[in-house]
């Protein structure tokens, strides 16, 4: 199982939208996919149609109570896509983990047992706390959604420093599979300038596909649907399908789904 963390400590960059739609696209192309909602806000769970009343077990139970992932995962309406949902209990997990000896490895240990998935996508909270640290320690690779605005560049620098520290202390194998430019607006000159700066600094690490600002992407979560299901033909959905193709193209060949 390939484990991909989707992280950026800055909020509002399209991280959860990316997690939901990438997971949906992967499932649609034959990958048996697990989505883990590690954000206490639970937006990925809501956005994929899991009501709060149906979240009997959650990522909190996995990280804090060491409950098996298989007992916490629930099926979504998308074939081949399951989710470990998040509940508000997760908001206290950071404090509860502080005194735990293996606090950075809880999620990695949970995902190490034999799970019948090709890929696991982790939606991280908008912070660089212990929950995100757990995700980065468990992950094989990191996908970074980056909003095309000036302050996003400063946040990216901080995230890359965190990745280096995680590599040194917890997960030497952690890599960055790519940076996805989100909320791209060609009418805004600053968008092009930021995109050019990021590409000049990070080169091929930046995905060719950009995710546009799109009303349908914003509407879809209120219906409990990924945009790919809500409106398959909208520009945002087409962009995420293209991004998923690029992501698959960067996966190790021997670990790709049959």
Protein backbone atom coordinates (compact mmCIF):
# COMPACT_ATOMS: atom_id res chain seq x y z
CA UNK A 1 0.00 0.00 0.00
CA UNK A 2 1.33 3.42 -0.98
CA UNK A 3 0.63 6.08 1.65
CA UNK A 4 0.27 9.67 0.40
CA UNK A 5 -0.13 12.51 2.90
CA UNK A 6 -1.76 15.69 1.61
CA UNK A 7 -0.49 18.50 3.80
CA UNK A 8 0.00 22.23 4.04
CA UNK A 9 -0.06 24.05 7.36
CA UNK A 10 -1.80 27.01 5.72
CA UNK A 11 -5.59 26.72 5.71
CA UNK A 12 -7.80 27.40 2.72
CA UNK A 13 -5.45 26.09 0.05
CA UNK A 14 -7.75 23.36 -1.27
CA UNK A 15 -6.16 20.56 0.70
CA UNK A 16 -9.35 18.70 1.60
CA UNK A 17 -10.85 19.26 -1.86
CA UNK A 18 -7.67 17.78 -3.30
CA UNK A 19 -7.75 14.79 -0.94
CA UNK A 20 -11.39 13.98 -1.72
CA UNK A 21 -11.12 14.29 -5.48
CA UNK A 22 -7.73 12.62 -5.85
CA UNK A 23 -8.97 9.68 -3.77
CA UNK A 24 -12.12 9.50 -5.92
CA UNK A 25 -10.14 9.64 -9.16
CA UNK A 26 -7.76 6.91 -7.96
CA UNK A 27 -10.68 4.66 -7.00
CA UNK A 28 -12.30 5.28 -10.38
CA UNK A 29 -9.15 4.15 -12.17
CA UNK A 30 -8.97 0.82 -10.36
CA UNK A 31 -7.01 1.61 -7.20
CA UNK A 32 -8.60 0.24 -4.03
CA UNK A 33 -8.34 3.42 -2.02
CA UNK A 34 -8.47 4.36 1.66
CA UNK A 35 -8.97 8.00 2.63
CA UNK A 36 -8.06 8.95 6.19
CA UNK A 37 -9.56 12.17 7.55
CA UNK A 38 -7.04 13.40 10.11
CA UNK A 39 -8.48 16.90 10.41
CA UNK A 40 -10.64 17.55 13.51
CA UNK A 41 -12.95 19.68 11.36
CA UNK A 42 -13.96 16.49 9.55
CA UNK A 43 -14.48 18.26 6.23
CA UNK A 44 -13.27 15.34 4.14
CA UNK A 45 -15.78 13.07 5.88
CA UNK A 46 -18.63 15.52 5.31
CA UNK A 47 -17.54 16.25 1.75
CA UNK A 48 -17.68 12.61 0.80
CA UNK A 49 -21.10 12.05 2.33
CA UNK A 50 -20.45 10.57 5.79
CA UNK A 51 -22.86 12.18 8.25
CA UNK A 52 -21.65 12.94 11.77
CA UNK A 53 -24.20 10.48 13.18
CA UNK A 54 -22.64 7.67 11.12
CA UNK A 55 -19.12 8.15 12.47
CA UNK A 56 -19.21 5.59 15.26
CA UNK A 57 -15.48 5.04 14.97
CA UNK A 58 -12.96 7.49 13.65
CA UNK A 59 -9.33 8.38 13.13
CA UNK A 60 -9.30 9.40 16.81
CA UNK A 61 -9.87 5.76 17.75
CA UNK A 62 -7.01 4.72 15.46
CA UNK A 63 -4.48 7.26 16.77
CA UNK A 64 -5.43 7.42 20.46
CA UNK A 65 -7.01 4.06 21.26
CA UNK A 66 -4.93 2.06 18.73
CA UNK A 67 -8.05 0.52 17.23
CA UNK A 68 -7.44 -1.40 13.97
CA UNK A 69 -7.95 0.68 10.85
CA UNK A 70 -10.13 -2.05 9.38
CA UNK A 71 -12.63 -1.59 12.22
CA UNK A 72 -12.84 2.19 11.73
CA UNK A 73 -13.03 2.36 7.92
CA UNK A 74 -16.46 2.78 6.35
CA UNK A 75 -17.49 2.42 2.74
CA UNK A 76 -18.40 5.52 0.75
CA UNK A 77 -20.85 5.70 -2.14
CA UNK A 78 -17.80 5.63 -4.44
CA UNK A 79 -16.86 2.07 -5.44
CA UNK A 80 -13.42 1.00 -4.16
CA UNK A 81 -13.18 4.04 -1.85
CA UNK A 82 -13.37 3.68 1.94
CA UNK A 83 -12.79 6.39 4.54
CA UNK A 84 -11.69 6.53 8.15
CA UNK A 85 -13.76 9.56 9.16
CA UNK A 86 -12.89 12.26 11.68
CA UNK A 87 -14.93 13.46 14.65
CA UNK A 88 -14.61 16.45 16.94
CA UNK A 89 -12.85 14.15 19.45
CA UNK A 90 -9.77 14.48 17.28
CA UNK A 91 -9.39 18.10 18.40
CA UNK A 92 -8.12 16.84 21.77
CA UNK A 93 -5.74 14.30 20.29
CA UNK A 94 -2.79 16.71 20.11
CA UNK A 95 -2.91 17.20 23.89
CA UNK A 96 -3.50 13.51 24.62
CA UNK A 97 -0.53 12.49 22.48
CA UNK A 98 1.97 14.76 24.23
CA UNK A 99 2.65 12.30 27.04
CA UNK A 100 2.67 9.19 24.85
CA UNK A 101 6.05 7.61 24.16
CA UNK A 102 5.40 6.64 20.53
CA UNK A 103 3.30 9.74 19.81
CA UNK A 104 4.74 10.29 16.31
CA UNK A 105 4.36 6.67 15.19
CA UNK A 106 0.76 5.88 16.17
CA UNK A 107 -0.63 6.15 12.64
CA UNK A 108 2.33 4.39 11.03
CA UNK A 109 1.90 1.44 13.40
CA UNK A 110 -1.82 1.29 12.62
CA UNK A 111 -1.21 1.25 8.86
CA UNK A 112 1.56 -1.35 9.09
CA UNK A 113 -0.88 -4.23 9.59
CA UNK A 114 -2.14 -6.02 6.50
CA UNK A 115 -4.73 -3.76 4.88
CA UNK A 116 -6.34 -4.64 1.57
CA UNK A 117 -5.80 -1.30 -0.20
CA UNK A 118 -3.56 -0.20 -3.04
CA UNK A 119 -3.22 3.36 -1.78
CA UNK A 120 -3.99 5.40 1.32
CA UNK A 121 -4.59 9.17 1.09
CA UNK A 122 -4.31 11.15 4.35
CA UNK A 123 -6.01 14.54 4.66
CA UNK A 124 -3.97 16.44 7.25
CA UNK A 125 -5.10 19.34 9.46
CA UNK A 126 -3.93 22.89 8.61
CA UNK A 127 -1.09 22.84 11.12
CA UNK A 128 2.28 21.23 11.72
CA UNK A 129 1.27 19.62 15.02
CA UNK A 130 1.32 16.02 16.19
CA UNK A 131 -1.47 14.87 13.89
CA UNK A 132 0.38 16.09 10.80
CA UNK A 133 3.59 14.66 12.24
CA UNK A 134 1.86 11.27 12.51
CA UNK A 135 0.79 11.52 8.88
CA UNK A 136 4.28 12.46 7.66
CA UNK A 137 5.86 9.69 9.73
CA UNK A 138 3.45 7.14 8.25
CA UNK A 139 3.60 8.37 4.65
CA UNK A 140 5.73 7.19 1.77
CA UNK A 141 5.35 10.52 0.08
CA UNK A 142 3.79 13.96 0.39
CA UNK A 143 1.55 15.91 -1.96
CA UNK A 144 1.43 19.65 -1.24
CA UNK A 145 -1.49 21.78 -2.47
CA UNK A 146 -0.23 25.33 -2.88
CA UNK A 147 -2.51 28.31 -3.38
CA UNK A 148 -1.20 30.75 -5.96
CA UNK A 149 -0.62 33.74 -3.69
CA UNK A 150 2.45 35.40 -2.18
CA UNK A 151 2.09 34.24 1.43
CA UNK A 152 1.77 30.64 0.29
CA UNK A 153 5.45 30.66 -0.67
CA UNK A 154 6.50 31.46 2.89
CA UNK A 155 4.34 28.63 4.20
CA UNK A 156 5.86 26.22 1.70
CA UNK A 157 9.35 27.02 2.99
CA UNK A 158 8.26 26.18 6.54
CA UNK A 159 6.63 22.93 5.41
CA UNK A 160 9.78 21.84 3.54
CA UNK A 161 11.84 22.46 6.70
CA UNK A 162 9.40 20.28 8.65
CA UNK A 163 9.72 17.53 6.04
CA UNK A 164 13.52 17.62 6.46
CA UNK A 165 13.19 17.24 10.22
CA UNK A 166 10.77 14.33 9.83
CA UNK A 167 13.20 12.66 7.41
CA UNK A 168 16.04 13.05 9.91
CA UNK A 169 14.17 11.85 13.00
CA UNK A 170 11.23 9.65 12.07
CA UNK A 171 10.91 8.71 8.42
CA UNK A 172 14.06 8.75 6.24
CA UNK A 173 12.06 7.39 3.29
CA UNK A 174 9.61 10.30 3.16
CA UNK A 175 9.62 12.02 -0.22
CA UNK A 176 7.60 14.73 -1.94
CA UNK A 177 5.73 13.39 -4.94
CA UNK A 178 4.68 16.84 -6.10
CA UNK A 179 3.27 20.28 -5.49
CA UNK A 180 -0.15 21.04 -6.91
CA UNK A 181 -0.99 24.66 -7.71
CA UNK A 182 -4.57 25.31 -6.60
CA UNK A 183 -7.11 28.13 -6.94
CA UNK A 184 -5.41 29.14 -10.18
CA UNK A 185 -6.97 32.21 -11.78
CA UNK A 186 -5.51 33.24 -15.13
CA UNK A 187 -7.27 36.60 -14.90
CA UNK A 188 -5.03 37.48 -11.97
CA UNK A 189 -1.48 38.44 -12.93
CA UNK A 190 -0.22 37.55 -9.43
CA UNK A 191 -1.31 33.95 -9.98
CA UNK A 192 1.02 33.63 -12.96
CA UNK A 193 3.87 35.31 -11.09
CA UNK A 194 3.56 32.97 -8.10
CA UNK A 195 3.32 29.92 -10.36
CA UNK A 196 6.42 31.02 -12.27
CA UNK A 197 8.32 31.55 -9.00
CA UNK A 198 7.37 28.13 -7.65
CA UNK A 199 8.30 26.40 -10.91
CA UNK A 200 11.63 28.22 -11.14
CA UNK A 201 12.50 27.20 -7.57
CA UNK A 202 11.19 23.64 -7.56
CA UNK A 203 11.18 22.67 -11.22
CA UNK A 204 9.69 19.29 -12.05
CA UNK A 205 8.48 18.83 -8.49
CA UNK A 206 5.52 21.04 -9.45
CA UNK A 207 2.73 19.21 -11.28
CA UNK A 208 1.96 20.47 -14.77
CA UNK A 209 -1.76 20.39 -13.98
CA UNK A 210 -3.15 23.43 -12.17
CA UNK A 211 -6.45 23.41 -10.30
CA UNK A 212 -8.59 26.40 -11.29
CA UNK A 213 -10.90 28.44 -9.13
CA UNK A 214 -14.23 26.81 -9.83
CA UNK A 215 -17.66 27.30 -8.27
CA UNK A 216 -18.59 23.64 -8.75
CA UNK A 217 -15.62 22.56 -6.62
CA UNK A 218 -16.97 24.76 -3.82
CA UNK A 219 -20.55 23.55 -4.21
CA UNK A 220 -19.87 19.82 -4.25
CA UNK A 221 -19.10 19.30 -0.50
CA UNK A 222 -22.47 20.77 0.51
CA UNK A 223 -24.06 17.88 -1.39
CA UNK A 224 -21.80 15.30 0.25
CA UNK A 225 -20.21 14.48 -3.09
CA UNK A 226 -16.76 14.77 -4.63
CA UNK A 227 -16.74 17.26 -7.49
CA UNK A 228 -15.90 14.37 -9.83
CA UNK A 229 -19.33 12.91 -9.05
CA UNK A 230 -21.24 16.16 -8.55
CA UNK A 231 -20.18 17.57 -11.94
CA UNK A 232 -17.80 15.34 -13.81
CA UNK A 233 -17.36 17.75 -16.71
CA UNK A 234 -16.66 21.01 -14.85
CA UNK A 235 -13.15 22.52 -15.20
CA UNK A 236 -12.25 21.64 -11.61
CA UNK A 237 -13.17 17.97 -12.05
CA UNK A 238 -11.27 17.72 -15.33
CA UNK A 239 -8.24 19.26 -13.63
CA UNK A 240 -8.34 16.74 -10.77
CA UNK A 241 -8.62 13.85 -13.22
CA UNK A 242 -5.52 15.17 -15.01
CA UNK A 243 -3.73 15.64 -11.67
CA UNK A 244 -4.55 12.06 -10.66
CA UNK A 245 -3.05 10.83 -13.94
CA UNK A 246 0.12 12.77 -13.24
CA UNK A 247 0.22 11.41 -9.69
CA UNK A 248 -0.13 7.83 -10.93
CA UNK A 249 2.64 8.49 -13.44
CA UNK A 250 4.98 9.40 -10.58
CA UNK A 251 4.21 6.27 -8.55
CA UNK A 252 6.81 3.49 -8.39
CA UNK A 253 5.95 1.18 -11.30
CA UNK A 254 6.14 -2.01 -9.25
CA UNK A 255 3.58 -0.67 -6.75
CA UNK A 256 0.92 0.50 -9.15
CA UNK A 257 -2.51 -1.10 -8.98
CA UNK A 258 -3.15 -3.86 -11.49
